[in-house]
């Protein structure tokens, strides 16, 4: 009985460690997850724009035009919306918006 109890305890600890400690192999940042749920529909998974987004005039995040925008400008657009893009200021935290800006910056390297 003690052996089964120890094995169960060891299994629970192992599972807890796997889910608590970040793993580089499965590490999808919160910003990437948020981007995929809020932005990728129009801006595309790589930031270059989806078919729908291109019809709506969504910007390609990989371009120099977008990448030269300041963090403040990008944050303001995410917060307040622009043209057909909805505002996310009431639904996202400031830290989430900052993370999205950082993720958008990373998309320039995806070119």
N, C-alpha and C. Protein backbone atom coordinates (compact mmCIF):
# COMPACT_ATOMS: atom_id res chain seq x y z
N UNK A 1 0.81 -1.19 0.00
CA UNK A 1 0.00 0.00 0.00
C UNK A 1 0.86 1.27 0.00
N UNK A 2 1.96 1.23 0.77
CA UNK A 2 2.85 2.39 0.82
C UNK A 2 3.47 2.66 -0.55
N UNK A 3 3.80 1.59 -1.29
CA UNK A 3 4.41 1.75 -2.60
C UNK A 3 3.44 2.44 -3.57
N UNK A 4 2.18 2.06 -3.54
CA UNK A 4 1.18 2.69 -4.40
C UNK A 4 1.00 4.16 -4.01
N UNK A 5 0.96 4.45 -2.73
CA UNK A 5 0.83 5.83 -2.27
C UNK A 5 2.00 6.69 -2.72
N UNK A 6 3.21 6.17 -2.64
CA UNK A 6 4.39 6.91 -3.08
C UNK A 6 4.37 7.13 -4.59
N UNK A 7 3.99 6.11 -5.35
CA UNK A 7 3.93 6.23 -6.80
C UNK A 7 2.89 7.29 -7.21
N UNK A 8 1.76 7.28 -6.52
CA UNK A 8 0.72 8.27 -6.80
C UNK A 8 1.24 9.67 -6.49
N UNK A 9 1.89 9.82 -5.35
CA UNK A 9 2.46 11.11 -4.95
C UNK A 9 3.50 11.57 -5.97
N UNK A 10 4.36 10.68 -6.40
CA UNK A 10 5.40 11.01 -7.38
C UNK A 10 4.76 11.42 -8.71
N UNK A 11 3.71 10.74 -9.11
CA UNK A 11 3.03 11.07 -10.37
C UNK A 11 2.40 12.46 -10.29
N UNK A 12 1.76 12.77 -9.16
CA UNK A 12 1.13 14.08 -8.98
C UNK A 12 2.19 15.18 -9.02
N UNK A 13 3.30 14.97 -8.34
CA UNK A 13 4.38 15.97 -8.33
C UNK A 13 4.94 16.15 -9.74
N UNK A 14 5.15 15.08 -10.46
CA UNK A 14 5.67 15.15 -11.84
C UNK A 14 4.73 15.94 -12.73
N UNK A 15 3.45 15.66 -12.63
CA UNK A 15 2.47 16.39 -13.45
C UNK A 15 2.46 17.86 -13.07
N UNK A 16 2.52 18.16 -11.80
CA UNK A 16 2.52 19.56 -11.35
C UNK A 16 3.74 20.30 -11.88
N UNK A 17 4.90 19.67 -11.84
CA UNK A 17 6.13 20.30 -12.33
C UNK A 17 6.03 20.57 -13.83
N UNK A 18 5.48 19.63 -14.58
CA UNK A 18 5.37 19.78 -16.03
C UNK A 18 4.49 20.98 -16.37
N UNK A 19 3.40 21.17 -15.63
CA UNK A 19 2.48 22.26 -15.94
C UNK A 19 2.87 23.59 -15.33
N UNK A 20 3.64 23.58 -14.26
CA UNK A 20 4.01 24.82 -13.59
C UNK A 20 5.27 25.44 -14.19
N UNK A 21 6.29 24.63 -14.44
CA UNK A 21 7.54 25.16 -14.97
C UNK A 21 7.41 25.39 -16.47
N UNK A 22 7.90 26.52 -16.96
CA UNK A 22 7.82 26.78 -18.40
C UNK A 22 8.74 25.84 -19.17
N UNK A 23 8.25 25.43 -20.30
CA UNK A 23 9.03 24.55 -21.16
C UNK A 23 9.28 25.25 -22.48
N UNK A 24 10.53 25.43 -22.87
CA UNK A 24 10.82 26.13 -24.13
C UNK A 24 10.15 25.46 -25.32
N UNK A 25 10.01 24.14 -25.29
CA UNK A 25 9.43 23.43 -26.41
C UNK A 25 7.95 23.76 -26.58
N UNK A 26 7.26 23.99 -25.49
CA UNK A 26 5.83 24.26 -25.59
C UNK A 26 5.47 25.69 -25.17
N UNK A 27 6.48 26.48 -25.01
CA UNK A 27 6.25 27.83 -24.52
C UNK A 27 5.63 28.70 -25.61
N UNK A 28 4.37 28.97 -25.44
CA UNK A 28 3.70 29.94 -26.28
C UNK A 28 3.37 31.07 -25.34
N UNK A 29 3.93 32.20 -25.59
CA UNK A 29 3.76 33.31 -24.67
C UNK A 29 2.29 33.73 -24.59
N UNK A 30 1.95 34.36 -23.50
CA UNK A 30 0.60 34.88 -23.34
C UNK A 30 0.31 35.90 -24.45
N UNK A 31 1.32 36.65 -24.83
CA UNK A 31 1.14 37.64 -25.89
C UNK A 31 0.85 36.97 -27.23
N UNK A 32 1.53 35.88 -27.49
CA UNK A 32 1.28 35.16 -28.75
C UNK A 32 -0.13 34.58 -28.74
N UNK A 33 -0.54 34.02 -27.63
CA UNK A 33 -1.90 33.47 -27.51
C UNK A 33 -2.93 34.58 -27.71
N UNK A 34 -2.70 35.72 -27.09
CA UNK A 34 -3.61 36.85 -27.22
C UNK A 34 -3.64 37.35 -28.66
N UNK A 35 -2.47 37.43 -29.29
CA UNK A 35 -2.40 37.85 -30.69
C UNK A 35 -3.23 36.91 -31.56
N UNK A 36 -3.06 35.62 -31.35
CA UNK A 36 -3.79 34.64 -32.17
C UNK A 36 -5.30 34.76 -31.98
N UNK A 37 -5.73 35.11 -30.77
CA UNK A 37 -7.18 35.19 -30.53
C UNK A 37 -7.77 36.53 -30.93
N UNK A 38 -7.03 37.60 -30.85
CA UNK A 38 -7.58 38.94 -31.10
C UNK A 38 -7.15 39.56 -32.43
N UNK A 39 -5.96 39.22 -32.92
CA UNK A 39 -5.38 39.96 -34.04
C UNK A 39 -5.21 39.14 -35.33
N UNK A 40 -4.90 37.87 -35.18
CA UNK A 40 -4.53 37.05 -36.35
C UNK A 40 -5.65 36.92 -37.37
N UNK A 41 -6.89 37.03 -36.94
CA UNK A 41 -8.01 36.92 -37.88
C UNK A 41 -7.90 37.92 -39.01
N UNK A 42 -7.44 39.12 -38.71
CA UNK A 42 -7.29 40.16 -39.74
C UNK A 42 -5.83 40.37 -40.15
N UNK A 43 -4.93 40.32 -39.18
CA UNK A 43 -3.52 40.62 -39.46
C UNK A 43 -2.71 39.39 -39.85
N UNK A 44 -3.33 38.22 -39.79
CA UNK A 44 -2.65 36.97 -40.18
C UNK A 44 -1.74 36.45 -39.09
N UNK A 45 -1.49 35.15 -39.09
CA UNK A 45 -0.65 34.55 -38.05
C UNK A 45 0.77 35.09 -38.02
N UNK A 46 1.27 35.52 -39.19
CA UNK A 46 2.63 36.04 -39.25
C UNK A 46 2.67 37.56 -39.35
N UNK A 47 1.50 38.20 -39.25
CA UNK A 47 1.43 39.65 -39.28
C UNK A 47 1.30 40.25 -40.66
N UNK A 48 1.35 39.41 -41.70
CA UNK A 48 1.31 39.94 -43.07
C UNK A 48 -0.10 40.21 -43.57
N UNK A 49 -1.11 39.81 -42.82
CA UNK A 49 -2.50 40.07 -43.19
C UNK A 49 -3.19 38.83 -43.72
N UNK A 50 -4.39 38.61 -43.25
CA UNK A 50 -5.21 37.51 -43.76
C UNK A 50 -5.97 38.03 -44.99
N UNK A 51 -6.62 37.15 -45.71
CA UNK A 51 -7.40 37.56 -46.88
C UNK A 51 -8.49 38.54 -46.47
N UNK A 52 -9.18 38.24 -45.38
CA UNK A 52 -10.22 39.14 -44.89
C UNK A 52 -9.61 40.47 -44.44
N UNK A 53 -8.52 40.38 -43.70
CA UNK A 53 -7.86 41.59 -43.21
C UNK A 53 -7.39 42.49 -44.33
N UNK A 54 -6.88 41.91 -45.40
CA UNK A 54 -6.42 42.71 -46.52
C UNK A 54 -7.58 43.45 -47.17
N UNK A 55 -8.75 42.80 -47.24
CA UNK A 55 -9.94 43.46 -47.79
C UNK A 55 -10.40 44.60 -46.89
N UNK A 56 -10.17 44.45 -45.58
CA UNK A 56 -10.58 45.48 -44.62
C UNK A 56 -9.54 46.59 -44.46
N UNK A 57 -8.37 46.40 -45.05
CA UNK A 57 -7.31 47.39 -44.95
C UNK A 57 -6.42 47.23 -43.73
N UNK A 58 -6.38 46.01 -43.16
CA UNK A 58 -5.51 45.76 -42.00
C UNK A 58 -4.06 45.92 -42.41
N UNK A 59 -3.28 46.53 -41.54
CA UNK A 59 -1.86 46.76 -41.84
C UNK A 59 -1.05 45.48 -41.72
N UNK A 60 -0.04 45.41 -42.55
CA UNK A 60 0.94 44.32 -42.50
C UNK A 60 1.97 44.71 -41.44
N UNK A 61 2.03 43.95 -40.37
CA UNK A 61 2.93 44.28 -39.25
C UNK A 61 4.40 44.09 -39.60
N UNK A 62 4.69 43.44 -40.70
CA UNK A 62 6.08 43.21 -41.08
C UNK A 62 6.69 44.39 -41.82
N UNK A 63 5.87 45.34 -42.22
CA UNK A 63 6.38 46.46 -43.02
C UNK A 63 7.12 47.48 -42.17
N UNK A 64 8.00 48.21 -42.84
CA UNK A 64 8.74 49.28 -42.18
C UNK A 64 7.79 50.36 -41.67
N UNK A 65 6.71 50.60 -42.39
CA UNK A 65 5.72 51.61 -41.98
C UNK A 65 5.19 51.34 -40.57
N UNK A 66 4.83 50.09 -40.31
CA UNK A 66 4.31 49.73 -38.99
C UNK A 66 5.45 49.65 -37.97
N UNK A 67 6.55 49.05 -38.35
CA UNK A 67 7.65 48.86 -37.41
C UNK A 67 8.29 50.17 -36.97
N UNK A 68 8.18 51.23 -37.79
CA UNK A 68 8.75 52.51 -37.37
C UNK A 68 7.82 53.28 -36.43
N UNK A 69 6.58 52.81 -36.27
CA UNK A 69 5.66 53.45 -35.33
C UNK A 69 6.19 53.23 -33.92
N UNK A 70 5.96 54.22 -33.07
CA UNK A 70 6.43 54.09 -31.68
C UNK A 70 5.52 53.12 -30.91
N UNK A 71 6.04 52.64 -29.79
CA UNK A 71 5.25 51.77 -28.93
C UNK A 71 3.99 52.48 -28.46
N UNK A 72 4.11 53.78 -28.21
CA UNK A 72 2.96 54.58 -27.77
C UNK A 72 1.89 54.61 -28.86
N UNK A 73 2.31 54.80 -30.10
CA UNK A 73 1.36 54.83 -31.22
C UNK A 73 0.64 53.48 -31.36
N UNK A 74 1.42 52.40 -31.34
CA UNK A 74 0.81 51.08 -31.48
C UNK A 74 -0.13 50.78 -30.32
N UNK A 75 0.29 51.14 -29.12
CA UNK A 75 -0.56 50.93 -27.93
C UNK A 75 -1.86 51.72 -28.05
N UNK A 76 -1.77 52.95 -28.54
CA UNK A 76 -2.96 53.78 -28.70
C UNK A 76 -3.94 53.17 -29.70
N UNK A 77 -3.41 52.62 -30.77
CA UNK A 77 -4.28 52.00 -31.79
C UNK A 77 -4.96 50.76 -31.21
N UNK A 78 -4.20 49.95 -30.48
CA UNK A 78 -4.80 48.76 -29.86
C UNK A 78 -5.84 49.18 -28.83
N UNK A 79 -5.53 50.19 -28.05
CA UNK A 79 -6.42 50.65 -26.98
C UNK A 79 -7.69 51.29 -27.54
N UNK A 80 -7.54 52.18 -28.52
CA UNK A 80 -8.66 52.99 -29.00
C UNK A 80 -9.28 52.50 -30.30
N UNK A 81 -8.59 51.59 -31.00
CA UNK A 81 -9.05 51.16 -32.31
C UNK A 81 -8.69 52.19 -33.36
N UNK A 82 -8.87 51.82 -34.61
CA UNK A 82 -8.59 52.76 -35.70
C UNK A 82 -9.27 52.22 -36.96
N UNK A 83 -9.97 53.11 -37.65
CA UNK A 83 -10.72 52.72 -38.85
C UNK A 83 -11.65 51.55 -38.51
N UNK A 84 -11.46 50.40 -39.14
CA UNK A 84 -12.34 49.26 -38.90
C UNK A 84 -11.88 48.36 -37.75
N UNK A 85 -10.72 48.68 -37.19
CA UNK A 85 -10.21 47.88 -36.07
C UNK A 85 -10.92 48.29 -34.78
N UNK A 86 -11.42 47.30 -34.04
CA UNK A 86 -12.09 47.62 -32.77
C UNK A 86 -11.10 48.06 -31.70
N UNK A 87 -11.62 48.72 -30.68
CA UNK A 87 -10.79 49.12 -29.55
C UNK A 87 -10.76 47.98 -28.53
N UNK A 88 -9.61 47.84 -27.89
CA UNK A 88 -9.46 46.80 -26.87
C UNK A 88 -9.12 47.38 -25.51
N UNK A 89 -9.22 48.68 -25.37
CA UNK A 89 -8.86 49.35 -24.13
C UNK A 89 -9.71 48.94 -22.94
N UNK A 90 -10.95 48.56 -23.18
CA UNK A 90 -11.84 48.17 -22.08
C UNK A 90 -11.76 46.68 -21.77
N UNK A 91 -11.18 45.91 -22.67
CA UNK A 91 -11.16 44.45 -22.46
C UNK A 91 -9.78 43.90 -22.18
N UNK A 92 -8.73 44.66 -22.47
CA UNK A 92 -7.36 44.19 -22.23
C UNK A 92 -6.69 45.05 -21.17
N UNK A 93 -5.82 44.43 -20.41
CA UNK A 93 -5.02 45.15 -19.41
C UNK A 93 -3.87 45.86 -20.12
N UNK A 94 -3.34 46.87 -19.48
CA UNK A 94 -2.21 47.63 -20.03
C UNK A 94 -1.05 46.68 -20.33
N UNK A 95 -0.79 45.73 -19.43
CA UNK A 95 0.31 44.77 -19.64
C UNK A 95 0.05 43.89 -20.86
N UNK A 96 -1.21 43.55 -21.11
CA UNK A 96 -1.54 42.75 -22.30
C UNK A 96 -1.27 43.54 -23.57
N UNK A 97 -1.63 44.81 -23.56
CA UNK A 97 -1.41 45.66 -24.73
C UNK A 97 0.09 45.84 -24.96
N UNK A 98 0.83 46.04 -23.90
CA UNK A 98 2.29 46.14 -24.03
C UNK A 98 2.87 44.85 -24.61
N UNK A 99 2.37 43.71 -24.16
CA UNK A 99 2.82 42.42 -24.69
C UNK A 99 2.49 42.27 -26.17
N UNK A 100 1.31 42.75 -26.57
CA UNK A 100 0.95 42.69 -27.99
C UNK A 100 1.88 43.55 -28.83
N UNK A 101 2.23 44.73 -28.33
CA UNK A 101 3.17 45.60 -29.05
C UNK A 101 4.51 44.89 -29.22
N UNK A 102 5.00 44.26 -28.16
CA UNK A 102 6.26 43.52 -28.24
C UNK A 102 6.14 42.36 -29.24
N UNK A 103 5.00 41.69 -29.24
CA UNK A 103 4.81 40.58 -30.18
C UNK A 103 4.76 41.11 -31.61
N UNK A 104 4.10 42.23 -31.83
CA UNK A 104 4.06 42.84 -33.17
C UNK A 104 5.47 43.17 -33.63
N UNK A 105 6.31 43.66 -32.74
CA UNK A 105 7.71 43.95 -33.08
C UNK A 105 8.42 42.68 -33.53
N UNK A 106 8.12 41.56 -32.88
CA UNK A 106 8.79 40.31 -33.22
C UNK A 106 8.41 39.80 -34.60
N UNK A 107 7.29 40.25 -35.13
CA UNK A 107 6.83 39.79 -36.44
C UNK A 107 7.66 40.36 -37.59
N UNK A 108 8.39 41.42 -37.35
CA UNK A 108 9.26 41.97 -38.39
C UNK A 108 10.33 40.96 -38.77
N UNK A 109 10.74 40.17 -37.81
CA UNK A 109 11.77 39.16 -38.07
C UNK A 109 11.21 37.96 -38.83
N UNK A 110 9.89 37.85 -38.89
CA UNK A 110 9.25 36.72 -39.58
C UNK A 110 9.33 36.85 -41.10
N UNK A 111 9.69 38.00 -41.58
CA UNK A 111 9.79 38.24 -43.03
C UNK A 111 10.68 37.26 -43.72
